[in-house]
Amino acid sequence: MFHRLTLFNMTNEVSFAAIDSVFNRLQTQASVQNLSDDVSVMVHQWQWSSNDELVFLQLDTLLKEQSKQSQFDYVLQSANKPIQKIKLAVFDMDSTLIQAEVMDELAYTKGIGPQVASITARSMAGELDFEQSFRKRLALLEGFETSQLAAIKNSIKLMPGAEKLMKGLLSQGIYCVILSGGFSYFADALASQLGMQGAFSNGLEEVDGKLTGKVSGVIVDADRKVELMEQLRTTLGLTLEQCLAVGDGANDLPMLNKAGLGVAFHGKPLVRQQAPHQINNLDLDALLYLV
């Protein structure tokens, strides 16, 4: 088995000696390197090969305990063959690439913000079925004037590190796509802005300049995200191990668990519990150290 530990240390409180002692105690050789020149965050990466899972388990236990006391992120990977370079990266949009839940923004503009935001929060936390909650929230937006969409789009801020991340991924030839349960009006524009190869999301149905409260086409829910990722992977001739998936909500969990590298970015509590990997303290560009 091949293993890799990437550690992001913002407080200098992480004990590298404790990590090294695990390797020494269990007589496992690991190569380590410092990946960052940034004084605000140290990024160290250990790589080793071993069929003894005890090293992996002890490191995971140690880091989980330390992370409860100190502010740092880590990604501990394991694979049957050497960790592969990422070639396909798929991203959720709302609260992942942007600092907003777009449907909530539309609702606040319409004057029904708290009502819709409450349903959104429960859906992202996994308390409600995504498709049912999506249709319920969208129905409340019936009559919304589409002339207001542009102002909302222009007011939404990118997630910190999003531009740097995408430039870094694209410079390495990584195929980058948005898979969003949000709306194509926003996702398509965001993908273009960031130079990504495309976006898959939900088309808003409108009549006479007003939303009908329905979508055109198949709703992009959790299962659909997995299907789309698989279609992209197959078309590009890639393995699952070459796929990175990033998201924050319960409807992202299936693709996070399916991808070779699935990372919850500032995930909701349920997602933090069930996602294979997570970044909770750093900006999006921290992902560049994992590809």
Protein backbone atom coordinates (compact mmCIF):
# COMPACT_ATOMS: atom_id res chain seq x y z
CA MET A 1 0.00 0.00 0.00
CA PHE A 2 1.09 3.55 -0.74
CA HIS A 3 0.37 6.37 1.70
CA ARG A 4 0.67 10.16 1.79
CA LEU A 5 0.14 12.61 4.63
CA THR A 6 -0.16 16.31 3.81
CA LEU A 7 -0.16 18.56 6.87
CA PHE A 8 -1.14 22.25 6.85
CA ASN A 9 0.15 23.91 10.02
CA MET A 10 -0.97 27.49 10.71
CA THR A 11 -0.06 27.78 14.41
CA ASN A 12 3.29 25.93 14.70
CA GLU A 13 1.69 23.87 17.47
CA VAL A 14 1.70 20.57 15.60
CA SER A 15 4.31 18.19 16.94
CA PHE A 16 6.33 16.88 14.02
CA ALA A 17 8.32 14.87 16.56
CA ALA A 18 5.16 12.99 17.53
CA ILE A 19 4.47 12.19 13.88
CA ASP A 20 8.03 11.07 13.22
CA SER A 21 7.96 8.93 16.37
CA VAL A 22 5.11 6.87 14.89
CA PHE A 23 7.27 6.01 11.88
CA ASN A 24 10.30 5.32 14.06
CA ARG A 25 8.44 3.23 16.61
CA LEU A 26 6.90 1.03 13.93
CA GLN A 27 10.14 0.96 11.91
CA THR A 28 8.65 2.49 8.76
CA GLN A 29 10.70 4.74 6.50
CA ALA A 30 8.96 7.89 5.23
CA SER A 31 10.26 10.66 2.98
CA VAL A 32 9.19 14.14 4.06
CA GLN A 33 9.39 17.52 2.38
CA ASN A 34 8.30 21.08 3.07
CA LEU A 35 6.08 22.19 0.19
CA SER A 36 5.53 25.84 1.09
CA ASP A 37 7.62 29.00 1.38
CA ASP A 38 4.66 30.82 2.93
CA VAL A 39 5.51 31.80 6.52
CA SER A 40 1.81 31.96 7.44
CA VAL A 41 1.28 28.25 6.85
CA MET A 42 3.75 25.39 6.78
CA VAL A 43 2.90 22.51 4.46
CA HIS A 44 4.74 19.25 5.07
CA GLN A 45 4.16 16.04 3.19
CA TRP A 46 5.20 12.51 4.17
CA GLN A 47 5.12 9.61 1.70
CA TRP A 48 5.75 5.95 2.45
CA SER A 49 5.00 2.46 1.27
CA SER A 50 3.91 -0.24 3.72
CA ASN A 51 1.43 -3.08 4.04
CA ASP A 52 1.33 -2.46 7.80
CA GLU A 53 -1.90 -0.49 8.32
CA LEU A 54 -0.90 0.21 11.94
CA VAL A 55 1.17 3.23 10.87
CA PHE A 56 -1.78 4.70 8.99
CA LEU A 57 -4.20 4.09 11.86
CA GLN A 58 -1.90 5.49 14.53
CA LEU A 59 -1.19 8.61 12.50
CA ASP A 60 -4.92 9.12 11.89
CA THR A 61 -5.65 8.79 15.62
CA LEU A 62 -2.80 11.12 16.57
CA LEU A 63 -3.80 13.81 14.07
CA LYS A 64 -7.48 13.67 15.00
CA GLU A 65 -6.59 14.23 18.64
CA GLN A 66 -4.15 17.05 17.88
CA SER A 67 -6.59 18.76 15.51
CA LYS A 68 -9.10 19.06 18.34
CA GLN A 69 -6.60 21.19 20.26
CA SER A 70 -4.82 23.10 17.50
CA GLN A 71 -5.85 24.84 14.28
CA PHE A 72 -4.54 22.78 11.40
CA ASP A 73 -5.75 20.69 8.48
CA TYR A 74 -4.40 17.41 7.18
CA VAL A 75 -5.15 14.94 4.40
CA LEU A 76 -4.14 11.32 4.93
CA GLN A 77 -4.37 9.24 1.75
CA SER A 78 -3.94 5.54 1.04
CA ALA A 79 -3.96 3.65 -2.27
CA ASN A 80 -3.04 0.30 -3.78
CA LYS A 81 -0.57 1.99 -6.13
CA PRO A 82 1.45 5.22 -6.01
CA ILE A 83 -0.75 8.30 -5.45
CA GLN A 84 -1.67 9.51 -8.92
CA LYS A 85 -1.69 13.06 -10.24
CA ILE A 86 -5.15 14.60 -10.47
CA LYS A 87 -6.42 15.11 -14.04
CA LEU A 88 -10.11 15.95 -13.41
CA ALA A 89 -11.42 18.30 -10.72
CA VAL A 90 -15.16 18.75 -10.10
CA PHE A 91 -16.58 21.37 -7.76
CA ASP A 92 -19.81 22.23 -6.06
CA MET A 93 -20.60 25.93 -6.51
CA ASP A 94 -22.64 27.37 -3.63
CA SER A 95 -20.59 27.84 -0.43
CA THR A 96 -17.67 26.11 -2.16
CA LEU A 97 -16.50 28.26 -5.08
CA ILE A 98 -18.64 31.24 -4.02
CA GLN A 99 -19.55 32.75 -0.66
CA ALA A 100 -23.30 32.34 -1.07
CA GLU A 101 -26.23 30.00 -1.52
CA VAL A 102 -27.70 31.47 -4.70
CA MET A 103 -31.27 30.32 -4.09
CA ASP A 104 -31.19 32.04 -0.71
CA GLU A 105 -29.98 35.25 -2.37
CA LEU A 106 -32.93 35.17 -4.78
CA ALA A 107 -35.27 34.53 -1.87
CA TYR A 108 -33.99 37.49 0.14
CA THR A 109 -34.45 39.72 -2.90
CA LYS A 110 -38.04 38.45 -3.18
CA GLY A 111 -38.63 39.06 0.53
CA ILE A 112 -38.88 35.43 1.61
CA GLY A 113 -35.26 34.93 2.64
CA PRO A 114 -35.60 33.38 6.11
CA GLN A 115 -38.24 30.91 4.92
CA VAL A 116 -36.10 29.60 2.06
CA ALA A 117 -32.77 29.81 3.93
CA SER A 118 -34.15 27.59 6.67
CA ILE A 119 -35.04 24.89 4.14
CA THR A 120 -31.64 25.27 2.45
CA ALA A 121 -29.78 24.82 5.74
CA ARG A 122 -31.71 21.66 6.58
CA SER A 123 -31.14 20.26 3.10
CA MET A 124 -27.39 20.91 3.15
CA ALA A 125 -27.21 19.35 6.61
CA GLY A 126 -28.81 16.20 5.23
CA GLU A 127 -32.05 16.60 7.19
CA LEU A 128 -34.23 16.91 4.06
CA ASP A 129 -34.21 15.13 0.70
CA PHE A 130 -32.37 17.45 -1.69
CA GLU A 131 -34.70 17.15 -4.69
CA GLN A 132 -37.86 17.62 -2.63
CA SER A 133 -36.46 20.60 -0.77
CA PHE A 134 -35.11 22.04 -4.03
CA ARG A 135 -38.51 21.90 -5.72
CA LYS A 136 -40.19 23.34 -2.62
CA ARG A 137 -37.79 26.28 -2.41
CA LEU A 138 -37.89 26.97 -6.13
CA ALA A 139 -41.69 26.96 -6.17
CA LEU A 140 -41.59 29.82 -3.64
CA LEU A 141 -39.65 31.87 -6.20
CA GLU A 142 -42.44 31.80 -8.77
CA GLY A 143 -42.92 35.27 -10.18
CA PHE A 144 -39.36 36.41 -9.47
CA GLU A 145 -38.38 38.94 -12.15
CA THR A 146 -35.40 37.69 -14.14
CA SER A 147 -34.21 41.27 -14.67
CA GLN A 148 -32.90 41.10 -11.10
CA LEU A 149 -30.65 38.10 -11.70
CA ALA A 150 -27.71 40.10 -13.08
CA ALA A 151 -27.44 42.32 -9.99
CA ILE A 152 -27.42 39.28 -7.73
CA LYS A 153 -24.78 37.55 -9.85
CA ASN A 154 -22.55 40.62 -9.75
CA SER A 155 -22.84 40.92 -5.96
CA ILE A 156 -21.71 37.39 -5.15
CA LYS A 157 -18.12 37.04 -3.95
CA LEU A 158 -15.73 34.25 -4.82
CA MET A 159 -14.53 32.00 -2.05
CA PRO A 160 -11.05 33.08 -0.88
CA GLY A 161 -8.41 31.24 -2.88
CA ALA A 162 -10.77 30.28 -5.73
CA GLU A 163 -8.98 32.25 -8.44
CA LYS A 164 -5.52 31.13 -7.34
CA LEU A 165 -6.68 27.52 -7.14
CA MET A 166 -8.19 27.50 -10.61
CA LYS A 167 -5.16 29.17 -12.20
CA GLY A 168 -2.95 26.56 -10.58
CA LEU A 169 -5.09 23.62 -11.65
CA LEU A 170 -5.51 24.83 -15.22
CA SER A 171 -1.79 25.53 -15.56
CA GLN A 172 -1.21 21.84 -14.82
CA GLY A 173 -3.66 20.78 -17.53
CA ILE A 174 -6.32 19.62 -15.07
CA TYR A 175 -9.86 19.54 -16.47
CA CYS A 176 -12.05 21.66 -14.16
CA VAL A 177 -15.85 21.56 -14.05
CA ILE A 178 -18.68 22.81 -11.82
CA LEU A 179 -21.29 20.24 -10.75
CA SER A 180 -23.92 22.28 -8.98
CA GLY A 181 -27.38 21.86 -7.57
CA GLY A 182 -27.69 25.59 -8.17
CA PHE A 183 -28.63 27.48 -11.29
CA SER A 184 -26.97 27.54 -14.71
CA TYR A 185 -27.35 31.31 -15.04
CA PHE A 186 -24.80 31.64 -12.25
CA ALA A 187 -22.75 28.45 -12.73
CA ASP A 188 -22.09 29.06 -16.43
CA ALA A 189 -20.92 32.62 -15.75
CA LEU A 190 -18.70 31.47 -12.88
CA ALA A 191 -17.08 28.73 -14.95
CA SER A 192 -16.33 31.27 -17.67
CA GLN A 193 -14.97 33.78 -15.16
CA LEU A 194 -12.58 31.22 -13.66
CA GLY A 195 -11.54 29.76 -17.03
CA MET A 196 -13.02 26.35 -16.27
CA GLN A 197 -13.97 23.87 -18.98
CA GLY A 198 -17.66 23.81 -18.15
CA ALA A 199 -20.56 23.66 -15.71
CA PHE A 200 -23.52 21.35 -15.13
CA SER A 201 -26.40 22.76 -13.11
CA ASN A 202 -30.13 23.54 -13.22
CA GLY A 203 -31.76 25.72 -15.84
CA LEU A 204 -34.30 28.22 -14.52
CA GLU A 205 -37.60 28.12 -16.39
CA GLU A 206 -39.02 31.55 -17.18
CA VAL A 207 -42.05 32.99 -18.95
CA ASP A 208 -42.50 36.65 -19.84
CA GLY A 209 -39.47 37.68 -17.79
CA LYS A 210 -40.54 35.88 -14.63
CA LEU A 211 -39.52 32.58 -13.06
CA THR A 212 -42.15 29.87 -13.14
CA GLY A 213 -40.85 28.17 -9.99
CA LYS A 214 -39.66 25.18 -12.03
CA VAL A 215 -36.47 24.02 -13.72
CA SER A 216 -35.86 22.84 -17.25
CA GLY A 217 -34.23 19.42 -17.54
CA VAL A 218 -33.05 16.90 -14.96
CA ILE A 219 -32.28 18.25 -11.49
CA VAL A 220 -28.61 18.02 -10.58
CA ASP A 221 -28.85 16.25 -7.23
CA ALA A 222 -26.34 14.04 -5.39
CA ASP A 223 -26.77 11.05 -7.71
CA ARG A 224 -26.62 13.20 -10.82
CA LYS A 225 -23.33 14.73 -9.66
CA VAL A 226 -21.82 11.24 -9.43
CA GLU A 227 -23.19 10.34 -12.88
CA LEU A 228 -21.73 13.49 -14.42
CA MET A 229 -18.34 12.96 -12.77
CA GLU A 230 -18.29 9.39 -14.07
CA GLN A 231 -19.24 10.55 -17.59
CA LEU A 232 -16.46 13.14 -17.59
CA ARG A 233 -13.95 10.64 -16.24
CA THR A 234 -14.83 8.06 -18.87
CA THR A 235 -14.76 10.58 -21.71
CA LEU A 236 -11.31 11.78 -20.60
CA GLY A 237 -10.06 8.21 -20.20
CA LEU A 238 -9.16 8.63 -16.53
CA THR A 239 -9.23 6.43 -13.45
CA LEU A 240 -11.19 7.37 -10.32
CA GLU A 241 -7.86 7.91 -8.56
CA GLN A 242 -7.20 10.81 -10.96
CA CYS A 243 -10.42 12.59 -9.93
CA LEU A 244 -10.72 15.33 -7.31
CA ALA A 245 -14.18 16.28 -5.98
CA VAL A 246 -14.80 19.25 -3.68
CA GLY A 247 -18.00 20.32 -1.91
CA ASP A 248 -19.54 21.31 1.39
CA GLY A 249 -23.10 19.97 1.60
CA ALA A 250 -24.83 16.64 2.14
CA ASN A 251 -25.67 16.42 -1.57
CA ASP A 252 -21.92 16.44 -2.29
CA LEU A 253 -21.12 13.41 -0.12
CA PRO A 254 -21.68 10.71 -2.78
CA MET A 255 -19.25 12.34 -5.22
CA LEU A 256 -16.74 13.05 -2.43
CA ASN A 257 -16.79 9.39 -1.46
CA LYS A 258 -16.66 8.20 -5.08
CA ALA A 259 -13.71 10.30 -6.27
CA GLY A 260 -10.15 9.17 -5.74
CA LEU A 261 -9.64 12.35 -3.72
CA GLY A 262 -12.82 13.75 -2.16
CA VAL A 263 -12.40 16.85 -0.01
CA ALA A 264 -15.05 18.57 2.08
CA PHE A 265 -14.27 22.29 2.04
CA HIS A 266 -15.51 23.95 5.23
CA GLY A 267 -18.18 21.27 5.22
CA LYS A 268 -21.43 21.10 7.13
CA PRO A 269 -21.24 18.96 10.34
CA LEU A 270 -22.62 15.82 8.68
CA VAL A 271 -20.18 16.22 5.79
CA ARG A 272 -17.22 16.61 8.14
CA GLN A 273 -18.22 13.34 9.76
CA GLN A 274 -18.59 11.34 6.54
CA ALA A 275 -16.27 12.88 3.93
CA PRO A 276 -12.98 11.03 3.33
CA HIS A 277 -10.91 14.23 3.66
CA GLN A 278 -11.54 17.80 4.72
CA ILE A 279 -10.13 21.33 4.75
CA ASN A 280 -11.72 23.36 7.53
CA ASN A 281 -9.32 26.23 8.24
CA LEU A 282 -7.57 27.21 5.01
CA ASP A 283 -8.61 28.86 1.75
CA LEU A 284 -9.42 26.92 -1.43
CA ASP A 285 -5.93 27.24 -2.89
CA ALA A 286 -4.67 24.83 -0.21
CA LEU A 287 -5.96 22.11 -2.55
CA LEU A 288 -3.06 22.82 -4.90
CA TYR A 289 -0.78 20.92 -2.53
CA LEU A 290 -2.86 17.78 -3.01
CA VAL A 291 -2.92 17.45 -6.80
